[in-house]
Amino acid sequence: MSKRMKLEEYAEQVVSHLPCSKWEKRDIKDELMDHLNSMKSELVEEGYEEQEAVLLTVQRFGPTKTISRQLSESMPLIDKYIRK
């Protein structure tokens, strides 16, 4: 994970691995971006520089593959079967 990774790139990497339609991916990405931006804003309010806040946000959320796996596992089983 690069130090200069943007939250948008991070969210895109998370949803790119999900077994769902591009519309569902867009919705999930939008929701994830809300969470990421909220955490980044809180860190900026605490006094962190913008880029540092982005880096901390990404670190706190964790590796993209881990988040993707957790999201995939939380999708209803029937939906996974139909999508495959």
C-alpha atoms as a PDB file:
ATOM      1  CA  MET A   1       0.000   0.000   0.000  1.00  0.00           C
ATOM      2  CA  SER A   2       1.580   3.236  -1.111  1.00  0.00           C
ATOM      3  CA  LYS A   3       1.926   6.245   1.145  1.00  0.00           C
ATOM      4  CA  ARG A   4       0.249   8.379  -1.496  1.00  0.00           C
ATOM      5  CA  MET A   5      -2.786   6.139  -1.956  1.00  0.00           C
ATOM      6  CA  LYS A   6      -5.964   8.155  -2.154  1.00  0.00           C
ATOM      7  CA  LEU A   7      -9.115   7.067  -0.374  1.00  0.00           C
ATOM      8  CA  GLU A   8     -10.869   6.717  -3.743  1.00  0.00           C
ATOM      9  CA  GLU A   9      -8.190   4.281  -4.960  1.00  0.00           C
ATOM     10  CA  TYR A  10      -8.423   2.329  -1.718  1.00  0.00           C
ATOM     11  CA  ALA A  11     -12.219   2.020  -1.992  1.00  0.00           C
ATOM     12  CA  GLU A  12     -11.925   1.013  -5.662  1.00  0.00           C
ATOM     13  CA  GLN A  13      -9.481  -1.764  -4.763  1.00  0.00           C
ATOM     14  CA  VAL A  14     -11.831  -3.030  -2.054  1.00  0.00           C
ATOM     15  CA  VAL A  15     -14.903  -3.261  -4.295  1.00  0.00           C
ATOM     16  CA  SER A  16     -13.026  -4.588  -7.339  1.00  0.00           C
ATOM     17  CA  HIS A  17     -12.812  -8.023  -5.660  1.00  0.00           C
ATOM     18  CA  LEU A  18     -16.488  -8.260  -4.700  1.00  0.00           C
ATOM     19  CA  PRO A  19     -18.729 -10.850  -6.395  1.00  0.00           C
ATOM     20  CA  CYS A  20     -21.500  -8.442  -7.366  1.00  0.00           C
ATOM     21  CA  SER A  21     -22.716  -6.201 -10.189  1.00  0.00           C
ATOM     22  CA  LYS A  22     -21.044  -2.924 -11.075  1.00  0.00           C
ATOM     23  CA  TRP A  23     -24.076  -1.063  -9.683  1.00  0.00           C
ATOM     24  CA  GLU A  24     -23.798  -2.854  -6.357  1.00  0.00           C
ATOM     25  CA  LYS A  25     -20.058  -2.177  -6.335  1.00  0.00           C
ATOM     26  CA  ARG A  26     -20.749   1.522  -6.906  1.00  0.00           C
ATOM     27  CA  ASP A  27     -23.218   1.599  -4.006  1.00  0.00           C
ATOM     28  CA  ILE A  28     -20.800  -0.222  -1.704  1.00  0.00           C
ATOM     29  CA  LYS A  29     -17.958   2.058  -2.789  1.00  0.00           C
ATOM     30  CA  ASP A  30     -20.094   5.144  -2.072  1.00  0.00           C
ATOM     31  CA  GLU A  31     -20.886   3.869   1.414  1.00  0.00           C
ATOM     32  CA  LEU A  32     -17.249   2.944   2.042  1.00  0.00           C
ATOM     33  CA  MET A  33     -16.159   6.418   0.881  1.00  0.00           C
ATOM     34  CA  ASP A  34     -18.562   7.967   3.406  1.00  0.00           C
ATOM     35  CA  HIS A  35     -16.892   5.980   6.202  1.00  0.00           C
ATOM     36  CA  LEU A  36     -13.374   6.717   4.964  1.00  0.00           C
ATOM     37  CA  ASN A  37     -13.996  10.447   4.557  1.00  0.00           C
ATOM     38  CA  SER A  38     -15.639  10.623   7.968  1.00  0.00           C
ATOM     39  CA  MET A  39     -12.630   9.024   9.659  1.00  0.00           C
ATOM     40  CA  LYS A  40     -10.221  11.228   7.687  1.00  0.00           C
ATOM     41  CA  SER A  41     -12.160  14.346   8.713  1.00  0.00           C
ATOM     42  CA  GLU A  42     -12.035  13.330  12.367  1.00  0.00           C
ATOM     43  CA  LEU A  43      -8.253  12.877  12.115  1.00  0.00           C
ATOM     44  CA  VAL A  44      -7.829  16.281  10.439  1.00  0.00           C
ATOM     45  CA  GLU A  45      -9.898  17.828  13.245  1.00  0.00           C
ATOM     46  CA  GLU A  46      -7.532  16.151  15.716  1.00  0.00           C
ATOM     47  CA  GLY A  47      -4.668  18.021  14.074  1.00  0.00           C
ATOM     48  CA  TYR A  48      -3.268  15.611  11.497  1.00  0.00           C
ATOM     49  CA  GLU A  49      -2.199  16.899   8.082  1.00  0.00           C
ATOM     50  CA  GLU A  50      -4.467  15.842   5.205  1.00  0.00           C
ATOM     51  CA  GLN A  51      -2.111  13.208   3.712  1.00  0.00           C
ATOM     52  CA  GLU A  52      -1.236  11.846   7.136  1.00  0.00           C
ATOM     53  CA  ALA A  53      -4.943  11.544   7.943  1.00  0.00           C
ATOM     54  CA  VAL A  54      -5.502   9.628   4.692  1.00  0.00           C
ATOM     55  CA  LEU A  55      -2.647   7.248   5.484  1.00  0.00           C
ATOM     56  CA  LEU A  56      -3.924   6.645   9.025  1.00  0.00           C
ATOM     57  CA  THR A  57      -7.450   6.060   7.740  1.00  0.00           C
ATOM     58  CA  VAL A  58      -6.253   3.417   5.280  1.00  0.00           C
ATOM     59  CA  GLN A  59      -4.100   1.780   7.966  1.00  0.00           C
ATOM     60  CA  ARG A  60      -6.989   1.672  10.432  1.00  0.00           C
ATOM     61  CA  PHE A  61      -9.379   0.139   7.904  1.00  0.00           C
ATOM     62  CA  GLY A  62      -6.821  -2.508   6.975  1.00  0.00           C
ATOM     63  CA  PRO A  63      -5.686  -4.303   3.829  1.00  0.00           C
ATOM     64  CA  THR A  64      -8.051  -4.038   0.854  1.00  0.00           C
ATOM     65  CA  LYS A  65      -8.191  -7.817   0.378  1.00  0.00           C
ATOM     66  CA  THR A  66      -9.193  -8.312   4.016  1.00  0.00           C
ATOM     67  CA  ILE A  67     -12.002  -5.751   3.733  1.00  0.00           C
ATOM     68  CA  SER A  68     -13.143  -7.295   0.427  1.00  0.00           C
ATOM     69  CA  ARG A  69     -13.240 -10.768   1.978  1.00  0.00           C
ATOM     70  CA  GLN A  70     -15.223  -9.514   4.965  1.00  0.00           C
ATOM     71  CA  LEU A  71     -17.701  -7.732   2.710  1.00  0.00           C
ATOM     72  CA  SER A  72     -18.026 -10.818   0.483  1.00  0.00           C
ATOM     73  CA  GLU A  73     -18.679 -13.008   3.518  1.00  0.00           C
ATOM     74  CA  SER A  74     -21.374 -10.627   4.716  1.00  0.00           C
ATOM     75  CA  MET A  75     -23.291 -10.856   1.420  1.00  0.00           C
ATOM     76  CA  PRO A  76     -26.247 -13.246   1.543  1.00  0.00           C
ATOM     77  CA  LEU A  77     -25.331 -16.770   0.417  1.00  0.00           C
ATOM     78  CA  ILE A  78     -28.127 -16.981  -2.164  1.00  0.00           C
ATOM     79  CA  ASP A  79     -26.852 -13.791  -3.792  1.00  0.00           C
ATOM     80  CA  LYS A  80     -23.345 -15.264  -4.053  1.00  0.00           C
ATOM     81  CA  TYR A  81     -24.731 -18.415  -5.674  1.00  0.00           C
ATOM     82  CA  ILE A  82     -26.814 -16.480  -8.202  1.00  0.00           C
ATOM     83  CA  ARG A  83     -23.918 -14.160  -9.076  1.00  0.00           C
ATOM     84  CA  LYS A  84     -21.580 -17.071  -9.846  1.00  0.00           C
END
